[in-house]
Amino acid sequence: FQLDIRDIFRFQPDLRSNESILALSRNYVRGSINVSGNLSSLRVPKASISWGNTKLDAVASLQNITDTKNIAFDISTFHANTEKQDLIAFVNEEELGLDLPEDISLVGNAKGNLNNLEVNAELTTSQGIAVAKGFWVNDQGIDFSADVEIKEYKLNELLKNDALGTLSFKLHTNGSGDDINHLNMDLDANLIHLSFNDYPINDLNLIAKIKDGEGNLNTVY
């Protein structure tokens, strides 16, 4: 398929004042999606969508798409690529004080429903890498776990601050509870490396233990 977003303006001319829609209309949306099954179980063995230099490929399945309480999804694989030139059509770098990476790639998988989400993803950019894996359950209470790792990310480039160096960081956290205010949580983080004005900070540990919504954050350096 090929979509020209500008066609929408014929029916909704007011959308011309929407900056995001206007930016999206600069390029055609192209792609192909293969679907089989029925409304209770849809299989998407191939989905490929592109806009400018941005492309998304995915393999997925959807369940109960007409039942909002029981709708579920399983994206067994997704791969997205984009470039800075596409991103700045929607993001104002000057307002945010950022210098976005020239190239970005996101790969991984995800599955869940309205009360349960599980994600495994890796973000690779020309400025560094970030990896995240975890789950979140919010059904008769909260239960979660997450592992995050940032590898040699060039904060000086992203934040346009030459006083900063590269960041390497690991974090593991898990917890459960009846709600946010009565959460039991453990957090173990390690600032592997960061420099500020050429002063290095290496192997800084951050440890927190929360019980029934209260606790302390301790550092070991």
C-alpha atoms as a PDB file:
ATOM      1  CA  PHE A   1       0.000   0.000   0.000  1.00  0.00           C
ATOM      2  CA  GLN A   2       0.947   3.632  -0.353  1.00  0.00           C
ATOM      3  CA  LEU A   3      -0.709   6.400   1.651  1.00  0.00           C
ATOM      4  CA  ASP A   4      -0.546  10.107   0.967  1.00  0.00           C
ATOM      5  CA  ILE A   5      -1.329  11.789   4.292  1.00  0.00           C
ATOM      6  CA  ARG A   6      -2.198  14.974   2.417  1.00  0.00           C
ATOM      7  CA  ASP A   7      -5.426  13.293   1.276  1.00  0.00           C
ATOM      8  CA  ILE A   8      -6.726  13.668   4.830  1.00  0.00           C
ATOM      9  CA  PHE A   9      -6.684  17.448   4.464  1.00  0.00           C
ATOM     10  CA  ARG A  10      -9.502  17.229   1.898  1.00  0.00           C
ATOM     11  CA  PHE A  11     -11.847  15.928   4.598  1.00  0.00           C
ATOM     12  CA  GLN A  12     -10.252  17.527   7.653  1.00  0.00           C
ATOM     13  CA  PRO A  13      -8.592  20.799   6.553  1.00  0.00           C
ATOM     14  CA  ASP A  14      -8.105  21.852  10.185  1.00  0.00           C
ATOM     15  CA  LEU A  15      -5.429  19.139  10.490  1.00  0.00           C
ATOM     16  CA  ARG A  16      -3.109  21.372   8.461  1.00  0.00           C
ATOM     17  CA  SER A  17      -2.494  23.254  11.708  1.00  0.00           C
ATOM     18  CA  ASN A  18      -1.366  20.066  13.449  1.00  0.00           C
ATOM     19  CA  GLU A  19       2.440  20.154  13.256  1.00  0.00           C
ATOM     20  CA  SER A  20       2.854  16.398  13.687  1.00  0.00           C
ATOM     21  CA  ILE A  21       0.352  15.540  10.936  1.00  0.00           C
ATOM     22  CA  LEU A  22       1.881  18.203   8.685  1.00  0.00           C
ATOM     23  CA  ALA A  23       5.360  16.713   9.228  1.00  0.00           C
ATOM     24  CA  LEU A  24       4.029  13.217   8.546  1.00  0.00           C
ATOM     25  CA  SER A  25       2.561  14.408   5.236  1.00  0.00           C
ATOM     26  CA  ARG A  26       6.026  15.222   3.880  1.00  0.00           C
ATOM     27  CA  ASN A  27       6.549  11.599   2.844  1.00  0.00           C
ATOM     28  CA  TYR A  28       4.368   8.752   1.637  1.00  0.00           C
ATOM     29  CA  VAL A  29       3.635   5.936   4.082  1.00  0.00           C
ATOM     30  CA  ARG A  30       4.459   2.734   2.245  1.00  0.00           C
ATOM     31  CA  GLY A  31       4.236  -0.873   3.300  1.00  0.00           C
ATOM     32  CA  SER A  32       2.772  -4.333   3.163  1.00  0.00           C
ATOM     33  CA  ILE A  33       0.968  -6.326   5.833  1.00  0.00           C
ATOM     34  CA  ASN A  34       0.033 -10.003   5.634  1.00  0.00           C
ATOM     35  CA  VAL A  35      -2.825 -11.027   7.928  1.00  0.00           C
ATOM     36  CA  SER A  36      -4.627 -14.327   8.458  1.00  0.00           C
ATOM     37  CA  GLY A  37      -7.077 -15.719  10.984  1.00  0.00           C
ATOM     38  CA  ASN A  38     -10.198 -14.244  12.550  1.00  0.00           C
ATOM     39  CA  LEU A  39     -11.126 -11.522  15.044  1.00  0.00           C
ATOM     40  CA  SER A  40     -10.396 -13.771  18.016  1.00  0.00           C
ATOM     41  CA  SER A  41      -6.950 -14.733  16.712  1.00  0.00           C
ATOM     42  CA  LEU A  42      -5.110 -12.791  14.036  1.00  0.00           C
ATOM     43  CA  ARG A  43      -1.686 -13.767  12.757  1.00  0.00           C
ATOM     44  CA  VAL A  44       0.605 -11.204  11.138  1.00  0.00           C
ATOM     45  CA  PRO A  45       3.502 -13.215   9.679  1.00  0.00           C
ATOM     46  CA  LYS A  46       4.887 -10.118   8.011  1.00  0.00           C
ATOM     47  CA  ALA A  47       4.387  -6.393   8.481  1.00  0.00           C
ATOM     48  CA  SER A  48       6.648  -3.844   6.823  1.00  0.00           C
ATOM     49  CA  ILE A  49       6.024  -0.090   6.952  1.00  0.00           C
ATOM     50  CA  SER A  50       8.288   2.748   5.824  1.00  0.00           C
ATOM     51  CA  TRP A  51       8.244   6.548   5.903  1.00  0.00           C
ATOM     52  CA  GLY A  52      11.174   8.463   4.473  1.00  0.00           C
ATOM     53  CA  ASN A  53      14.290   6.736   5.780  1.00  0.00           C
ATOM     54  CA  THR A  54      12.370   5.126   8.648  1.00  0.00           C
ATOM     55  CA  LYS A  55      11.357   1.477   8.416  1.00  0.00           C
ATOM     56  CA  LEU A  56       9.558  -0.946  10.727  1.00  0.00           C
ATOM     57  CA  ASP A  57       9.388  -4.724  10.253  1.00  0.00           C
ATOM     58  CA  ALA A  58       7.484  -6.998  12.608  1.00  0.00           C
ATOM     59  CA  VAL A  59       5.988 -10.457  13.087  1.00  0.00           C
ATOM     60  CA  ALA A  60       3.059 -10.579  15.476  1.00  0.00           C
ATOM     61  CA  SER A  61      -0.240 -12.078  16.552  1.00  0.00           C
ATOM     62  CA  LEU A  62      -3.318 -10.438  18.073  1.00  0.00           C
ATOM     63  CA  GLN A  63      -6.059 -11.994  20.164  1.00  0.00           C
ATOM     64  CA  ASN A  64      -9.570 -10.786  20.974  1.00  0.00           C
ATOM     65  CA  ILE A  65      -9.231  -7.495  19.115  1.00  0.00           C
ATOM     66  CA  THR A  66     -12.957  -6.738  19.518  1.00  0.00           C
ATOM     67  CA  ASP A  67     -12.926  -7.427  23.273  1.00  0.00           C
ATOM     68  CA  THR A  68     -11.196  -4.474  24.950  1.00  0.00           C
ATOM     69  CA  LYS A  69     -10.967  -6.253  28.315  1.00  0.00           C
ATOM     70  CA  ASN A  70      -9.240  -9.324  26.915  1.00  0.00           C
ATOM     71  CA  ILE A  71      -7.286  -7.965  23.955  1.00  0.00           C
ATOM     72  CA  ALA A  72      -3.730  -9.324  23.822  1.00  0.00           C
ATOM     73  CA  PHE A  73      -0.715  -9.166  21.542  1.00  0.00           C
ATOM     74  CA  ASP A  74       2.509 -11.034  20.906  1.00  0.00           C
ATOM     75  CA  ILE A  75       5.127  -9.255  18.800  1.00  0.00           C
ATOM     76  CA  SER A  76       7.618 -12.075  18.392  1.00  0.00           C
ATOM     77  CA  THR A  77      10.082  -9.800  16.626  1.00  0.00           C
ATOM     78  CA  PHE A  78      10.298  -6.159  15.639  1.00  0.00           C
ATOM     79  CA  HIS A  79      13.058  -4.187  13.959  1.00  0.00           C
ATOM     80  CA  ALA A  80      12.893  -0.435  13.481  1.00  0.00           C
ATOM     81  CA  ASN A  81      15.450   1.815  11.814  1.00  0.00           C
ATOM     82  CA  THR A  82      15.429   5.584  11.523  1.00  0.00           C
ATOM     83  CA  GLU A  83      17.722   8.531  10.931  1.00  0.00           C
ATOM     84  CA  LYS A  84      18.108  11.895  12.569  1.00  0.00           C
ATOM     85  CA  GLN A  85      16.735  13.666   9.516  1.00  0.00           C
ATOM     86  CA  ASP A  86      13.388  11.919   9.997  1.00  0.00           C
ATOM     87  CA  LEU A  87      13.263  12.474  13.759  1.00  0.00           C
ATOM     88  CA  ILE A  88      13.829  16.222  13.646  1.00  0.00           C
ATOM     89  CA  ALA A  89      10.637  16.562  11.606  1.00  0.00           C
ATOM     90  CA  PHE A  90       8.807  15.789  14.876  1.00  0.00           C
ATOM     91  CA  VAL A  91      11.335  16.717  17.583  1.00  0.00           C
ATOM     92  CA  ASN A  92      12.755  20.185  18.137  1.00  0.00           C
ATOM     93  CA  GLU A  93      16.344  19.604  19.206  1.00  0.00           C
ATOM     94  CA  GLU A  94      16.919  23.243  20.175  1.00  0.00           C
ATOM     95  CA  GLU A  95      13.936  23.327  22.540  1.00  0.00           C
ATOM     96  CA  LEU A  96      15.042  20.086  24.205  1.00  0.00           C
ATOM     97  CA  GLY A  97      18.730  21.003  24.239  1.00  0.00           C
ATOM     98  CA  LEU A  98      19.625  17.733  22.511  1.00  0.00           C
ATOM     99  CA  ASP A  99      21.717  16.576  19.584  1.00  0.00           C
ATOM    100  CA  LEU A 100      20.011  13.383  18.450  1.00  0.00           C
ATOM    101  CA  PRO A 101      22.057  10.477  17.054  1.00  0.00           C
ATOM    102  CA  GLU A 102      22.429  10.227  13.296  1.00  0.00           C
ATOM    103  CA  ASP A 103      21.311   6.585  13.153  1.00  0.00           C
ATOM    104  CA  ILE A 104      18.969   4.623  15.418  1.00  0.00           C
ATOM    105  CA  SER A 105      18.010   0.936  15.387  1.00  0.00           C
ATOM    106  CA  LEU A 106      15.577  -0.780  17.765  1.00  0.00           C
ATOM    107  CA  VAL A 107      15.135  -4.560  17.842  1.00  0.00           C
ATOM    108  CA  GLY A 108      13.362  -6.901  20.213  1.00  0.00           C
ATOM    109  CA  ASN A 109      10.066  -8.496  21.127  1.00  0.00           C
ATOM    110  CA  ALA A 110       7.067  -7.723  23.312  1.00  0.00           C
ATOM    111  CA  LYS A 111       3.865  -9.374  24.461  1.00  0.00           C
ATOM    112  CA  GLY A 112       1.054  -8.754  26.870  1.00  0.00           C
ATOM    113  CA  ASN A 113      -2.409  -7.385  27.478  1.00  0.00           C
ATOM    114  CA  LEU A 114      -3.975  -4.499  29.401  1.00  0.00           C
ATOM    115  CA  ASN A 115      -2.651  -5.816  32.729  1.00  0.00           C
ATOM    116  CA  ASN A 116       0.525  -7.590  31.719  1.00  0.00           C
ATOM    117  CA  LEU A 117       3.485  -6.406  29.629  1.00  0.00           C
ATOM    118  CA  GLU A 118       6.762  -8.153  28.852  1.00  0.00           C
ATOM    119  CA  VAL A 119       9.457  -6.431  26.785  1.00  0.00           C
ATOM    120  CA  ASN A 120      12.938  -7.317  25.561  1.00  0.00           C
ATOM    121  CA  ALA A 121      14.580  -4.603  23.460  1.00  0.00           C
ATOM    122  CA  GLU A 122      17.959  -3.289  22.344  1.00  0.00           C
ATOM    123  CA  LEU A 123      18.484   0.272  21.118  1.00  0.00           C
ATOM    124  CA  THR A 124      21.613   0.832  19.042  1.00  0.00           C
ATOM    125  CA  THR A 125      22.558   4.351  18.008  1.00  0.00           C
ATOM    126  CA  SER A 126      25.583   6.145  16.643  1.00  0.00           C
ATOM    127  CA  GLN A 127      26.002   7.553  20.181  1.00  0.00           C
ATOM    128  CA  GLY A 128      25.769   4.304  22.161  1.00  0.00           C
ATOM    129  CA  ILE A 129      23.670   1.282  23.092  1.00  0.00           C
ATOM    130  CA  ALA A 130      20.859   0.652  25.592  1.00  0.00           C
ATOM    131  CA  VAL A 131      19.363  -2.739  26.460  1.00  0.00           C
ATOM    132  CA  ALA A 132      16.188  -3.317  28.481  1.00  0.00           C
ATOM    133  CA  LYS A 133      14.378  -6.467  29.558  1.00  0.00           C
ATOM    134  CA  GLY A 134      11.514  -6.800  31.996  1.00  0.00           C
ATOM    135  CA  PHE A 135       7.873  -7.331  32.804  1.00  0.00           C
ATOM    136  CA  TRP A 136       5.059  -5.410  34.495  1.00  0.00           C
ATOM    137  CA  VAL A 137       1.895  -6.986  35.908  1.00  0.00           C
ATOM    138  CA  ASN A 138      -0.927  -4.847  37.272  1.00  0.00           C
ATOM    139  CA  ASP A 139      -3.678  -7.334  38.073  1.00  0.00           C
ATOM    140  CA  GLN A 140      -4.856  -7.644  41.679  1.00  0.00           C
ATOM    141  CA  GLY A 141      -1.621  -5.948  42.704  1.00  0.00           C
ATOM    142  CA  ILE A 142       1.680  -4.944  41.148  1.00  0.00           C
ATOM    143  CA  ASP A 143       4.535  -7.235  40.199  1.00  0.00           C
ATOM    144  CA  PHE A 144       7.536  -6.175  38.107  1.00  0.00           C
ATOM    145  CA  SER A 145      11.148  -6.840  37.229  1.00  0.00           C
ATOM    146  CA  ALA A 146      13.550  -4.950  34.978  1.00  0.00           C
ATOM    147  CA  ASP A 147      17.153  -5.101  33.809  1.00  0.00           C
ATOM    148  CA  VAL A 148      18.623  -2.077  32.040  1.00  0.00           C
ATOM    149  CA  GLU A 149      22.112  -1.626  30.651  1.00  0.00           C
ATOM    150  CA  ILE A 150      23.611   1.416  28.935  1.00  0.00           C
ATOM    151  CA  LYS A 151      26.838   0.789  27.085  1.00  0.00           C
ATOM    152  CA  GLU A 152      29.314   3.591  26.352  1.00  0.00           C
ATOM    153  CA  TYR A 153      26.667   6.202  25.582  1.00  0.00           C
ATOM    154  CA  LYS A 154      28.141   9.536  24.501  1.00  0.00           C
ATOM    155  CA  LEU A 155      26.260  11.907  26.796  1.00  0.00           C
ATOM    156  CA  ASN A 156      28.480  14.772  25.677  1.00  0.00           C
ATOM    157  CA  GLU A 157      27.001  14.466  22.195  1.00  0.00           C
ATOM    158  CA  LEU A 158      23.394  13.828  23.212  1.00  0.00           C
ATOM    159  CA  LEU A 159      23.268  16.663  25.774  1.00  0.00           C
ATOM    160  CA  LYS A 160      25.657  18.965  23.883  1.00  0.00           C
ATOM    161  CA  ASN A 161      27.850  19.267  26.960  1.00  0.00           C
ATOM    162  CA  ASP A 162      31.598  18.773  26.502  1.00  0.00           C
ATOM    163  CA  ALA A 163      32.048  18.464  30.264  1.00  0.00           C
ATOM    164  CA  LEU A 164      30.406  15.046  30.154  1.00  0.00           C
ATOM    165  CA  GLY A 165      31.946  11.853  28.861  1.00  0.00           C
ATOM    166  CA  THR A 166      30.540   8.441  28.007  1.00  0.00           C
ATOM    167  CA  LEU A 167      28.106   6.666  30.316  1.00  0.00           C
ATOM    168  CA  SER A 168      28.082   2.957  31.145  1.00  0.00           C
ATOM    169  CA  PHE A 169      25.412   1.847  33.594  1.00  0.00           C
ATOM    170  CA  LYS A 170      23.613  -1.295  34.814  1.00  0.00           C
ATOM    171  CA  LEU A 171      20.420  -1.575  36.823  1.00  0.00           C
ATOM    172  CA  HIS A 172      18.312  -4.421  38.167  1.00  0.00           C
ATOM    173  CA  THR A 173      15.092  -3.898  40.052  1.00  0.00           C
ATOM    174  CA  ASN A 174      12.127  -6.013  41.051  1.00  0.00           C
ATOM    175  CA  GLY A 175       9.163  -5.567  43.305  1.00  0.00           C
ATOM    176  CA  SER A 176       5.572  -6.266  44.180  1.00  0.00           C
ATOM    177  CA  GLY A 177       2.769  -4.880  46.275  1.00  0.00           C
ATOM    178  CA  ASP A 178      -0.901  -4.058  46.507  1.00  0.00           C
ATOM    179  CA  ASP A 179      -0.270  -0.616  44.953  1.00  0.00           C
ATOM    180  CA  ILE A 180       2.487   1.992  44.437  1.00  0.00           C
ATOM    181  CA  ASN A 181       2.129   3.331  47.978  1.00  0.00           C
ATOM    182  CA  HIS A 182       2.605  -0.130  49.527  1.00  0.00           C
ATOM    183  CA  LEU A 183       5.372  -1.393  47.291  1.00  0.00           C
ATOM    184  CA  ASN A 184       8.133  -3.798  48.261  1.00  0.00           C
ATOM    185  CA  MET A 185      11.101  -3.220  45.957  1.00  0.00           C
ATOM    186  CA  ASP A 186      14.785  -4.012  45.587  1.00  0.00           C
ATOM    187  CA  LEU A 187      17.093  -1.956  43.378  1.00  0.00           C
ATOM    188  CA  ASP A 188      20.728  -2.633  42.568  1.00  0.00           C
ATOM    189  CA  ALA A 189      22.461  -0.254  40.183  1.00  0.00           C
ATOM    190  CA  ASN A 190      26.041   0.225  39.142  1.00  0.00           C
ATOM    191  CA  LEU A 191      27.419   3.368  37.540  1.00  0.00           C
ATOM    192  CA  ILE A 192      30.214   1.616  35.710  1.00  0.00           C
ATOM    193  CA  HIS A 193      31.713   4.753  34.233  1.00  0.00           C
ATOM    194  CA  LEU A 194      30.967   8.440  33.813  1.00  0.00           C
ATOM    195  CA  SER A 195      33.273  11.412  33.613  1.00  0.00           C
ATOM    196  CA  PHE A 196      32.603  15.060  34.411  1.00  0.00           C
ATOM    197  CA  ASN A 197      35.177  17.710  33.539  1.00  0.00           C
ATOM    198  CA  ASP A 198      37.675  14.891  32.975  1.00  0.00           C
ATOM    199  CA  TYR A 199      37.044  13.559  36.501  1.00  0.00           C
ATOM    200  CA  PRO A 200      36.161   9.857  36.218  1.00  0.00           C
ATOM    201  CA  ILE A 201      33.471   8.177  38.317  1.00  0.00           C
ATOM    202  CA  ASN A 202      33.918   4.409  38.196  1.00  0.00           C
ATOM    203  CA  ASP A 203      32.056   1.542  39.842  1.00  0.00           C
ATOM    204  CA  LEU A 204      29.574   3.562  41.917  1.00  0.00           C
ATOM    205  CA  ASN A 205      26.953   1.228  43.408  1.00  0.00           C
ATOM    206  CA  LEU A 206      23.438   2.349  44.293  1.00  0.00           C
ATOM    207  CA  ILE A 207      21.367   0.011  46.455  1.00  0.00           C
ATOM    208  CA  ALA A 208      17.807   0.498  47.618  1.00  0.00           C
ATOM    209  CA  LYS A 209      15.406  -1.660  49.580  1.00  0.00           C
ATOM    210  CA  ILE A 210      11.816  -0.488  49.904  1.00  0.00           C
ATOM    211  CA  LYS A 211       9.303  -2.171  52.209  1.00  0.00           C
ATOM    212  CA  ASP A 212       5.644  -1.198  52.245  1.00  0.00           C
ATOM    213  CA  GLY A 213       6.450   1.996  50.345  1.00  0.00           C
ATOM    214  CA  GLU A 214       9.310   3.168  52.582  1.00  0.00           C
ATOM    215  CA  GLY A 215      13.063   2.646  52.501  1.00  0.00           C
ATOM    216  CA  ASN A 216      16.503   4.070  51.869  1.00  0.00           C
ATOM    217  CA  LEU A 217      18.893   4.524  48.975  1.00  0.00           C
ATOM    218  CA  ASN A 218      22.522   3.737  49.791  1.00  0.00           C
ATOM    219  CA  THR A 219      25.659   4.317  47.763  1.00  0.00           C
ATOM    220  CA  VAL A 220      28.892   2.351  47.877  1.00  0.00           C
ATOM    221  CA  TYR A 221      31.940   3.978  46.270  1.00  0.00           C
END
